[in-house]
Every structure is written in C-alpha cells, then in structure tokens.
PDB file of N, CA and C in Angstrom:
ATOM      1  N   MET A   1     -15.451  -8.033  13.243  1.00  0.00           N
ATOM      2  CA  MET A   1     -14.624  -6.681  13.297  1.00  0.00           C
ATOM      3  C   MET A   1     -13.126  -7.090  13.386  1.00  0.00           C
ATOM      4  N   GLU A   2     -12.811  -8.221  13.802  1.00  0.00           N
ATOM      5  CA  GLU A   2     -11.411  -8.636  13.925  1.00  0.00           C
ATOM      6  C   GLU A   2     -10.869  -8.905  12.618  1.00  0.00           C
ATOM      7  N   ASN A   3     -11.707  -9.179  11.646  1.00  0.00           N
ATOM      8  CA  ASN A   3     -11.079  -9.363  10.252  1.00  0.00           C
ATOM      9  C   ASN A   3     -10.967  -8.179   9.576  1.00  0.00           C
ATOM     10  N   LEU A   4     -11.838  -7.053   9.831  1.00  0.00           N
ATOM     11  CA  LEU A   4     -11.704  -5.820   9.199  1.00  0.00           C
ATOM     12  C   LEU A   4     -10.688  -4.918   9.694  1.00  0.00           C
ATOM     13  N   LEU A   5     -10.160  -5.102  10.945  1.00  0.00           N
ATOM     14  CA  LEU A   5      -8.984  -4.269  11.401  1.00  0.00           C
ATOM     15  C   LEU A   5      -7.762  -4.366  10.648  1.00  0.00           C
ATOM     16  N   PRO A   6      -7.309  -5.687  10.319  1.00  0.00           N
ATOM     17  CA  PRO A   6      -6.191  -5.792   9.490  1.00  0.00           C
ATOM     18  C   PRO A   6      -6.363  -4.983   8.218  1.00  0.00           C
ATOM     19  N   LEU A   7      -7.557  -5.030   7.567  1.00  0.00           N
ATOM     20  CA  LEU A   7      -7.734  -4.437   6.188  1.00  0.00           C
ATOM     21  C   LEU A   7      -7.699  -2.978   6.357  1.00  0.00           C
ATOM     22  N   ILE A   8      -8.173  -2.393   7.343  1.00  0.00           N
ATOM     23  CA  ILE A   8      -8.305  -0.884   7.755  1.00  0.00           C
ATOM     24  C   ILE A   8      -6.811  -0.577   7.801  1.00  0.00           C
ATOM     25  N   ILE A   9      -5.945  -1.174   8.650  1.00  0.00           N
ATOM     26  CA  ILE A   9      -4.557  -0.786   8.655  1.00  0.00           C
ATOM     27  C   ILE A   9      -3.798  -0.807   7.466  1.00  0.00           C
ATOM     28  N   GLN A  10      -4.151  -1.970   6.629  1.00  0.00           N
ATOM     29  CA  GLN A  10      -3.398  -2.115   5.339  1.00  0.00           C
ATOM     30  C   GLN A  10      -3.751  -0.933   4.439  1.00  0.00           C
ATOM     31  N   LEU A  11      -5.074  -0.572   4.508  1.00  0.00           N
ATOM     32  CA  LEU A  11      -5.445   0.640   3.591  1.00  0.00           C
ATOM     33  C   LEU A  11      -4.681   1.745   3.989  1.00  0.00           C
ATOM     34  N   ALA A  12      -4.755   2.135   5.415  1.00  0.00           N
ATOM     35  CA  ALA A  12      -4.322   3.352   5.875  1.00  0.00           C
ATOM     36  C   ALA A  12      -2.735   3.397   5.440  1.00  0.00           C
ATOM     37  N   SER A  13      -1.990   2.267   5.822  1.00  0.00           N
ATOM     38  CA  SER A  13      -0.652   2.229   5.463  1.00  0.00           C
ATOM     39  C   SER A  13      -0.189   2.275   4.107  1.00  0.00           C
ATOM     40  N   GLY A  14      -1.174   1.837   3.227  1.00  0.00           N
ATOM     41  CA  GLY A  14      -1.060   1.877   1.848  1.00  0.00           C
ATOM     42  C   GLY A  14      -1.107   3.376   1.362  1.00  0.00           C
ATOM     43  N   ALA A  15      -1.984   4.126   2.030  1.00  0.00           N
ATOM     44  CA  ALA A  15      -2.147   5.653   1.682  1.00  0.00           C
ATOM     45  C   ALA A  15      -0.813   6.301   2.010  1.00  0.00           C
ATOM     46  N   VAL A  16      -0.213   6.046   3.269  1.00  0.00           N
ATOM     47  CA  VAL A  16       0.950   6.600   3.661  1.00  0.00           C
ATOM     48  C   VAL A  16       2.125   6.123   2.704  1.00  0.00           C
ATOM     49  N   GLY A  17       2.039   4.888   2.412  1.00  0.00           N
ATOM     50  CA  GLY A  17       3.229   4.420   1.621  1.00  0.00           C
ATOM     51  C   GLY A  17       3.129   5.061   0.123  1.00  0.00           C
ATOM     52  N   GLY A  18       1.862   5.176  -0.397  1.00  0.00           N
ATOM     53  CA  GLY A  18       1.711   5.779  -1.636  1.00  0.00           C
ATOM     54  C   GLY A  18       2.227   7.215  -1.580  1.00  0.00           C
ATOM     55  N   ASN A  19       1.974   8.007  -0.602  1.00  0.00           N
ATOM     56  CA  ASN A  19       2.395   9.462  -0.567  1.00  0.00           C
ATOM     57  C   ASN A  19       3.973   9.485  -0.233  1.00  0.00           C
ATOM     58  N   LEU A  20       4.453   8.398   0.564  1.00  0.00           N
ATOM     59  CA  LEU A  20       5.939   8.529   0.798  1.00  0.00           C
ATOM     60  C   LEU A  20       6.594   8.096  -0.559  1.00  0.00           C
ATOM     61  N   ALA A  21       6.003   7.215  -1.401  1.00  0.00           N
ATOM     62  CA  ALA A  21       6.582   6.954  -2.611  1.00  0.00           C
ATOM     63  C   ALA A  21       6.632   8.149  -3.546  1.00  0.00           C
ATOM     64  N   GLY A  22       5.547   8.895  -3.709  1.00  0.00           N
ATOM     65  CA  GLY A  22       5.292  10.098  -4.466  1.00  0.00           C
ATOM     66  C   GLY A  22       6.298  11.187  -3.951  1.00  0.00           C
ATOM     67  N   ALA A  23       6.544  11.190  -2.518  1.00  0.00           N
ATOM     68  CA  ALA A  23       7.698  12.218  -2.156  1.00  0.00           C
ATOM     69  C   ALA A  23       9.024  11.902  -2.706  1.00  0.00           C
ATOM     70  N   LEU A  24       9.300  10.584  -2.648  1.00  0.00           N
ATOM     71  CA  LEU A  24      10.687  10.151  -3.006  1.00  0.00           C
ATOM     72  C   LEU A  24      10.954  10.141  -4.543  1.00  0.00           C
ATOM     73  N   LEU A  25       9.800   9.772  -5.199  1.00  0.00           N
ATOM     74  CA  LEU A  25       9.920   9.737  -6.737  1.00  0.00           C
ATOM     75  C   LEU A  25       9.121  10.878  -7.258  1.00  0.00           C
ATOM     76  N   LYS A  26       9.611  12.191  -7.117  1.00  0.00           N
ATOM     77  CA  LYS A  26       8.908  13.362  -7.543  1.00  0.00           C
ATOM     78  C   LYS A  26       8.416  13.409  -9.056  1.00  0.00           C
ATOM     79  N   LYS A  27       9.141  12.764 -10.001  1.00  0.00           N
ATOM     80  CA  LYS A  27       8.713  12.689 -11.362  1.00  0.00           C
ATOM     81  C   LYS A  27       7.592  11.798 -11.674  1.00  0.00           C
ATOM     82  N   GLN A  28       7.580  10.706 -10.848  1.00  0.00           N
ATOM     83  CA  GLN A  28       6.348   9.859 -10.908  1.00  0.00           C
ATOM     84  C   GLN A  28       5.050  10.263 -10.057  1.00  0.00           C
ATOM     85  N   SER A  29       5.185  11.105  -9.319  1.00  0.00           N
ATOM     86  CA  SER A  29       4.205  11.559  -8.290  1.00  0.00           C
ATOM     87  C   SER A  29       2.862  11.834  -9.091  1.00  0.00           C
ATOM     88  N   LEU A  30       1.860  11.408  -8.496  1.00  0.00           N
ATOM     89  CA  LEU A  30       0.523  11.692  -9.109  1.00  0.00           C
ATOM     90  C   LEU A  30      -0.272  12.796  -8.373  1.00  0.00           C
ATOM     91  N   GLY A  31       0.322  13.361  -7.372  1.00  0.00           N
ATOM     92  CA  GLY A  31      -0.332  14.389  -6.487  1.00  0.00           C
ATOM     93  C   GLY A  31      -0.765  13.540  -5.350  1.00  0.00           C
ATOM     94  N   THR A  32      -1.062  14.362  -4.404  1.00  0.00           N
ATOM     95  CA  THR A  32      -1.293  13.925  -2.993  1.00  0.00           C
ATOM     96  C   THR A  32      -2.638  13.021  -3.122  1.00  0.00           C
ATOM     97  N   LEU A  33      -3.729  13.433  -3.645  1.00  0.00           N
ATOM     98  CA  LEU A  33      -4.914  12.728  -3.824  1.00  0.00           C
ATOM     99  C   LEU A  33      -4.733  11.348  -4.437  1.00  0.00           C
ATOM    100  N   TRP A  34      -4.140  11.413  -5.738  1.00  0.00           N
ATOM    101  CA  TRP A  34      -4.044  10.218  -6.322  1.00  0.00           C
ATOM    102  C   TRP A  34      -2.938   9.278  -5.775  1.00  0.00           C
ATOM    103  N   ASN A  35      -1.873   9.740  -5.250  1.00  0.00           N
ATOM    104  CA  ASN A  35      -0.990   9.117  -4.641  1.00  0.00           C
ATOM    105  C   ASN A  35      -1.692   8.136  -3.292  1.00  0.00           C
ATOM    106  N   SER A  36      -2.598   8.924  -2.773  1.00  0.00           N
ATOM    107  CA  SER A  36      -3.382   8.388  -1.711  1.00  0.00           C
ATOM    108  C   SER A  36      -4.207   7.226  -2.377  1.00  0.00           C
ATOM    109  N   ILE A  37      -4.962   7.521  -3.237  1.00  0.00           N
ATOM    110  CA  ILE A  37      -5.914   6.557  -3.910  1.00  0.00           C
ATOM    111  C   ILE A  37      -5.125   5.243  -4.368  1.00  0.00           C
ATOM    112  N   ALA A  38      -3.963   5.550  -5.089  1.00  0.00           N
ATOM    113  CA  ALA A  38      -3.306   4.325  -5.673  1.00  0.00           C
ATOM    114  C   ALA A  38      -2.714   3.751  -4.456  1.00  0.00           C
ATOM    115  N   GLY A  39      -2.278   4.320  -3.384  1.00  0.00           N
ATOM    116  CA  GLY A  39      -1.686   3.722  -2.305  1.00  0.00           C
ATOM    117  C   GLY A  39      -2.776   2.881  -1.559  1.00  0.00           C
ATOM    118  N   ILE A  40      -3.926   3.483  -1.338  1.00  0.00           N
ATOM    119  CA  ILE A  40      -5.141   2.679  -0.718  1.00  0.00           C
ATOM    120  C   ILE A  40      -5.213   1.329  -1.546  1.00  0.00           C
ATOM    121  N   ALA A  41      -5.336   1.409  -2.758  1.00  0.00           N
ATOM    122  CA  ALA A  41      -5.624   0.269  -3.636  1.00  0.00           C
ATOM    123  C   ALA A  41      -4.503  -0.761  -3.474  1.00  0.00           C
ATOM    124  N   GLY A  42      -3.205  -0.261  -3.632  1.00  0.00           N
ATOM    125  CA  GLY A  42      -2.040  -0.947  -3.422  1.00  0.00           C
ATOM    126  C   GLY A  42      -1.903  -1.672  -2.132  1.00  0.00           C
ATOM    127  N   GLY A  43      -2.263  -0.888  -1.038  1.00  0.00           N
ATOM    128  CA  GLY A  43      -2.226  -1.427   0.274  1.00  0.00           C
ATOM    129  C   GLY A  43      -3.161  -2.523   0.543  1.00  0.00           C
ATOM    130  N   GLY A  44      -4.250  -2.541  -0.027  1.00  0.00           N
ATOM    131  CA  GLY A  44      -5.243  -3.663   0.134  1.00  0.00           C
ATOM    132  C   GLY A  44      -4.824  -4.849  -0.634  1.00  0.00           C
ATOM    133  N   LEU A  45      -4.158  -4.623  -1.867  1.00  0.00           N
ATOM    134  CA  LEU A  45      -3.744  -5.683  -2.738  1.00  0.00           C
ATOM    135  C   LEU A  45      -2.528  -6.270  -2.032  1.00  0.00           C
ATOM    136  N   GLY A  46      -1.575  -5.523  -1.609  1.00  0.00           N
ATOM    137  CA  GLY A  46      -0.279  -5.995  -1.081  1.00  0.00           C
ATOM    138  C   GLY A  46      -0.489  -6.663   0.202  1.00  0.00           C
ATOM    139  N   GLY A  47      -1.341  -6.363   1.054  1.00  0.00           N
ATOM    140  CA  GLY A  47      -1.767  -6.879   2.347  1.00  0.00           C
ATOM    141  C   GLY A  47      -2.473  -8.295   2.092  1.00  0.00           C
ATOM    142  N   GLN A  48      -3.398  -8.360   1.075  1.00  0.00           N
ATOM    143  CA  GLN A  48      -4.097  -9.703   0.757  1.00  0.00           C
ATOM    144  C   GLN A  48      -3.077 -10.689   0.245  1.00  0.00           C
ATOM    145  N   LEU A  49      -2.234 -10.034  -0.686  1.00  0.00           N
ATOM    146  CA  LEU A  49      -1.240 -10.869  -1.375  1.00  0.00           C
ATOM    147  C   LEU A  49      -0.158 -11.433  -0.290  1.00  0.00           C
ATOM    148  N   LEU A  50       0.244 -10.726   0.748  1.00  0.00           N
ATOM    149  CA  LEU A  50       1.181 -11.407   1.709  1.00  0.00           C
ATOM    150  C   LEU A  50       0.198 -12.447   2.582  1.00  0.00           C
ATOM    151  N   GLY A  51      -1.107 -12.185   2.634  1.00  0.00           N
ATOM    152  CA  GLY A  51      -1.961 -13.131   3.468  1.00  0.00           C
ATOM    153  C   GLY A  51      -2.110 -14.422   2.602  1.00  0.00           C
ATOM    154  N   LEU A  52      -2.122 -14.281   1.330  1.00  0.00           N
ATOM    155  CA  LEU A  52      -2.238 -15.593   0.642  1.00  0.00           C
ATOM    156  C   LEU A  52      -0.996 -16.320   0.517  1.00  0.00           C
ATOM    157  N   LEU A  53       0.072 -15.619   0.431  1.00  0.00           N
ATOM    158  CA  LEU A  53       1.432 -16.284   0.671  1.00  0.00           C
ATOM    159  C   LEU A  53       1.744 -16.864   1.851  1.00  0.00           C
ATOM    160  N   GLY A  54       1.042 -16.502   2.886  1.00  0.00           N
ATOM    161  CA  GLY A  54       1.287 -17.132   4.293  1.00  0.00           C
ATOM    162  C   GLY A  54       2.348 -16.161   5.000  1.00  0.00           C
ATOM    163  N   ILE A  55       2.617 -15.009   4.580  1.00  0.00           N
ATOM    164  CA  ILE A  55       3.541 -14.216   5.253  1.00  0.00           C
ATOM    165  C   ILE A  55       2.961 -13.610   6.365  1.00  0.00           C
ATOM    166  N   ALA A  56       1.788 -12.897   6.067  1.00  0.00           N
ATOM    167  CA  ALA A  56       1.127 -12.201   7.028  1.00  0.00           C
ATOM    168  C   ALA A  56       0.483 -12.925   8.204  1.00  0.00           C
ATOM    169  N   THR A  57       0.294 -12.593   9.372  1.00  0.00           N
ATOM    170  CA  THR A  57      -0.323 -13.413  10.312  1.00  0.00           C
ATOM    171  C   THR A  57      -1.542 -12.707  10.755  1.00  0.00           C
ATOM    172  N   SER A  58      -2.583 -12.757   9.727  1.00  0.00           N
ATOM    173  CA  SER A  58      -3.774 -11.893   9.985  1.00  0.00           C
ATOM    174  C   SER A  58      -4.843 -12.770  11.041  1.00  0.00           C
ATOM    175  N   SER A  59      -4.488 -13.906  11.535  1.00  0.00           N
ATOM    176  CA  SER A  59      -5.223 -14.504  12.243  1.00  0.00           C
ATOM    177  C   SER A  59      -5.637 -13.899  13.583  1.00  0.00           C
ATOM    178  N   GLY A  60      -4.665 -13.010  14.127  1.00  0.00           N
ATOM    179  CA  GLY A  60      -4.924 -12.345  15.402  1.00  0.00           C
ATOM    180  C   GLY A  60      -4.342 -10.957  15.466  1.00  0.00           C
ATOM    181  N   MET A  61      -4.597 -10.189  16.174  1.00  0.00           N
ATOM    182  CA  MET A  61      -4.209  -8.831  16.179  1.00  0.00           C
ATOM    183  C   MET A  61      -3.085  -8.613  17.289  1.00  0.00           C
ATOM    184  N   ASP A  62      -2.269  -9.550  17.151  1.00  0.00           N
ATOM    185  CA  ASP A  62      -1.099  -9.287  18.100  1.00  0.00           C
ATOM    186  C   ASP A  62      -0.020  -8.324  17.353  1.00  0.00           C
ATOM    187  N   ILE A  63       0.942  -8.005  17.928  1.00  0.00           N
ATOM    188  CA  ILE A  63       1.853  -7.062  17.373  1.00  0.00           C
ATOM    189  C   ILE A  63       2.601  -7.495  15.945  1.00  0.00           C
ATOM    190  N   SER A  64       2.852  -8.888  15.838  1.00  0.00           N
ATOM    191  CA  SER A  64       3.206  -9.352  14.617  1.00  0.00           C
ATOM    192  C   SER A  64       2.181  -9.253  13.517  1.00  0.00           C
ATOM    193  N   GLY A  65       1.057  -9.372  13.944  1.00  0.00           N
ATOM    194  CA  GLY A  65      -0.183  -9.280  12.834  1.00  0.00           C
ATOM    195  C   GLY A  65      -0.210  -7.819  12.381  1.00  0.00           C
ATOM    196  N   ILE A  66      -0.235  -6.786  13.392  1.00  0.00           N
ATOM    197  CA  ILE A  66      -0.273  -5.443  13.152  1.00  0.00           C
ATOM    198  C   ILE A  66       0.933  -5.065  12.297  1.00  0.00           C
ATOM    199  N   LEU A  67       2.057  -5.384  12.724  1.00  0.00           N
ATOM    200  CA  LEU A  67       3.279  -4.997  12.004  1.00  0.00           C
ATOM    201  C   LEU A  67       3.269  -5.514  10.471  1.00  0.00           C
ATOM    202  N   SER A  68       2.754  -6.873  10.300  1.00  0.00           N
ATOM    203  CA  SER A  68       2.754  -7.311   9.006  1.00  0.00           C
ATOM    204  C   SER A  68       1.577  -6.572   8.242  1.00  0.00           C
ATOM    205  N   SER A  69       0.584  -6.098   8.762  1.00  0.00           N
ATOM    206  CA  SER A  69      -0.417  -5.490   8.032  1.00  0.00           C
ATOM    207  C   SER A  69       0.108  -4.093   7.470  1.00  0.00           C
ATOM    208  N   ILE A  70       0.828  -3.421   8.408  1.00  0.00           N
ATOM    209  CA  ILE A  70       1.525  -2.113   8.002  1.00  0.00           C
ATOM    210  C   ILE A  70       2.635  -2.311   7.064  1.00  0.00           C
ATOM    211  N   ALA A  71       3.326  -3.228   7.175  1.00  0.00           N
ATOM    212  CA  ALA A  71       4.417  -3.587   6.088  1.00  0.00           C
ATOM    213  C   ALA A  71       3.807  -3.777   4.915  1.00  0.00           C
ATOM    214  N   GLY A  72       2.790  -4.776   4.842  1.00  0.00           N
ATOM    215  CA  GLY A  72       2.259  -5.295   3.634  1.00  0.00           C
ATOM    216  C   GLY A  72       1.444  -4.143   2.861  1.00  0.00           C
ATOM    217  N   GLY A  73       0.797  -3.260   3.596  1.00  0.00           N
ATOM    218  CA  GLY A  73       0.036  -2.273   3.126  1.00  0.00           C
ATOM    219  C   GLY A  73       0.812  -1.018   2.565  1.00  0.00           C
ATOM    220  N   GLY A  74       1.986  -0.670   3.224  1.00  0.00           N
ATOM    221  CA  GLY A  74       2.831   0.351   2.893  1.00  0.00           C
ATOM    222  C   GLY A  74       3.682   0.062   1.758  1.00  0.00           C
ATOM    223  N   VAL A  75       4.149  -1.230   1.726  1.00  0.00           N
ATOM    224  CA  VAL A  75       5.021  -1.702   0.619  1.00  0.00           C
ATOM    225  C   VAL A  75       4.044  -1.858  -0.642  1.00  0.00           C
ATOM    226  N   GLY A  76       2.817  -2.261  -0.618  1.00  0.00           N
ATOM    227  CA  GLY A  76       2.043  -2.566  -1.709  1.00  0.00           C
ATOM    228  C   GLY A  76       1.544  -1.161  -2.091  1.00  0.00           C
ATOM    229  N   GLY A  77       1.301  -0.252  -1.232  1.00  0.00           N
ATOM    230  CA  GLY A  77       0.764   1.127  -1.705  1.00  0.00           C
ATOM    231  C   GLY A  77       2.031   1.871  -2.424  1.00  0.00           C
ATOM    232  N   GLY A  78       3.062   1.736  -1.845  1.00  0.00           N
ATOM    233  CA  GLY A  78       4.217   2.510  -2.524  1.00  0.00           C
ATOM    234  C   GLY A  78       4.350   1.845  -3.936  1.00  0.00           C
ATOM    235  N   ALA A  79       4.526   0.592  -3.916  1.00  0.00           N
ATOM    236  CA  ALA A  79       4.823  -0.149  -5.066  1.00  0.00           C
ATOM    237  C   ALA A  79       3.753   0.285  -6.305  1.00  0.00           C
ATOM    238  N   LEU A  80       2.499   0.183  -5.918  1.00  0.00           N
ATOM    239  CA  LEU A  80       1.472   0.573  -6.927  1.00  0.00           C
ATOM    240  C   LEU A  80       1.617   1.780  -7.378  1.00  0.00           C
ATOM    241  N   MET A  81       1.840   2.784  -6.550  1.00  0.00           N
ATOM    242  CA  MET A  81       1.907   4.234  -6.933  1.00  0.00           C
ATOM    243  C   MET A  81       3.006   4.455  -7.819  1.00  0.00           C
ATOM    244  N   ALA A  82       4.165   3.798  -7.509  1.00  0.00           N
ATOM    245  CA  ALA A  82       5.371   4.051  -8.343  1.00  0.00           C
ATOM    246  C   ALA A  82       5.101   3.280  -9.620  1.00  0.00           C
ATOM    247  N   ILE A  83       4.506   2.113  -9.815  1.00  0.00           N
ATOM    248  CA  ILE A  83       4.123   1.527 -11.126  1.00  0.00           C
ATOM    249  C   ILE A  83       3.292   2.529 -11.922  1.00  0.00           C
ATOM    250  N   ILE A  84       2.224   2.982 -11.344  1.00  0.00           N
ATOM    251  CA  ILE A  84       1.287   3.917 -12.000  1.00  0.00           C
ATOM    252  C   ILE A  84       1.982   5.032 -12.440  1.00  0.00           C
ATOM    253  N   GLY A  85       2.775   5.547 -11.576  1.00  0.00           N
ATOM    254  CA  GLY A  85       3.592   6.788 -11.933  1.00  0.00           C
ATOM    255  C   GLY A  85       4.594   6.562 -13.113  1.00  0.00           C
ATOM    256  N   LEU A  86       5.264   5.364 -13.178  1.00  0.00           N
ATOM    257  CA  LEU A  86       6.106   5.185 -14.237  1.00  0.00           C
ATOM    258  C   LEU A  86       5.277   4.930 -15.554  1.00  0.00           C
ATOM    259  N   ILE A  87       4.227   4.216 -15.456  1.00  0.00           N
ATOM    260  CA  ILE A  87       3.336   4.087 -16.812  1.00  0.00           C
ATOM    261  C   ILE A  87       2.887   5.343 -17.103  1.00  0.00           C
ATOM    262  N   ARG A  88       2.358   6.367 -16.351  1.00  0.00           N
ATOM    263  CA  ARG A  88       1.820   7.617 -16.703  1.00  0.00           C
ATOM    264  C   ARG A  88       2.910   8.420 -17.298  1.00  0.00           C
ATOM    265  N   SER A  89       4.117   8.432 -16.694  1.00  0.00           N
ATOM    266  CA  SER A  89       5.292   9.206 -17.375  1.00  0.00           C
ATOM    267  C   SER A  89       5.696   8.773 -18.741  1.00  0.00           C
ATOM    268  N   ALA A  90       5.661   7.402 -18.828  1.00  0.00           N
ATOM    269  CA  ALA A  90       6.160   6.827 -20.128  1.00  0.00           C
ATOM    270  C   ALA A  90       5.103   7.112 -21.262  1.00  0.00           C
ATOM    271  N   THR A  91       3.789   7.180 -20.903  1.00  0.00           N
ATOM    272  CA  THR A  91       2.942   7.411 -21.943  1.00  0.00           C
ATOM    273  C   THR A  91       2.669   8.918 -22.226  1.00  0.00           C
ATOM    274  N   LYS A  92       3.190   9.796 -21.334  1.00  0.00           N
ATOM    275  CA  LYS A  92       3.246  11.154 -21.632  1.00  0.00           C
ATOM    276  C   LYS A  92       4.053  11.722 -22.799  1.00  0.00           C
ATOM    277  N   LYS A  93       5.187  10.874 -23.081  1.00  0.00           N
ATOM    278  CA  LYS A  93       6.147  11.059 -23.893  1.00  0.00           C
ATOM    279  C   LYS A  93       5.810  10.935 -25.391  1.00  0.00           C
TER     280      LYS A  93
END
C-alpha cells in the first residue's frame, strides 16, 4: 500500500494539473473530462519520470515525498494536457 499512495497522489494531482492547464490555455482546452483524463495520464508519467531521474523521493511518505508526488503529477498532467491540446488545435486547421 505504501507504494500505491504516491501513485494515487500523482494521478489525482495530474487531474488537477490538467484542468488547471485547460483553464489557463482556453484555446487548447479539451473540456473538463478530457483535461482530467490527459492530466491523470500525464500525472502518472510525470511522477514516474521524476522517480526514474532520482528527483522524487518515493521511498517514504514523508512531507518531501508527498510534495514531490504532487509536483510531479501536477506538472506532468498539465504538460501532457497542453501538448495534446496544441496537437489537437494544430490538426483542426
């Protein structure tokens, strides 16, 4: 269960990051549902990528581990939503 908690935090913060990016980038927004889905995927990928780079401290659930999971998930979710939104708006033209 201790290994699942950082992933759950990353996925949840990814959904928030995806919706926040959608709110800031209205032209690239995919809508609330798809912003959340892209954010969840990006949150999982971003958190795992930070873990592979050794930036995230997922060995324990201390405050730094929780904050790195939130940051990795939020940034990854927002980034993936923005990338998908940019690709989608570029292919519409």
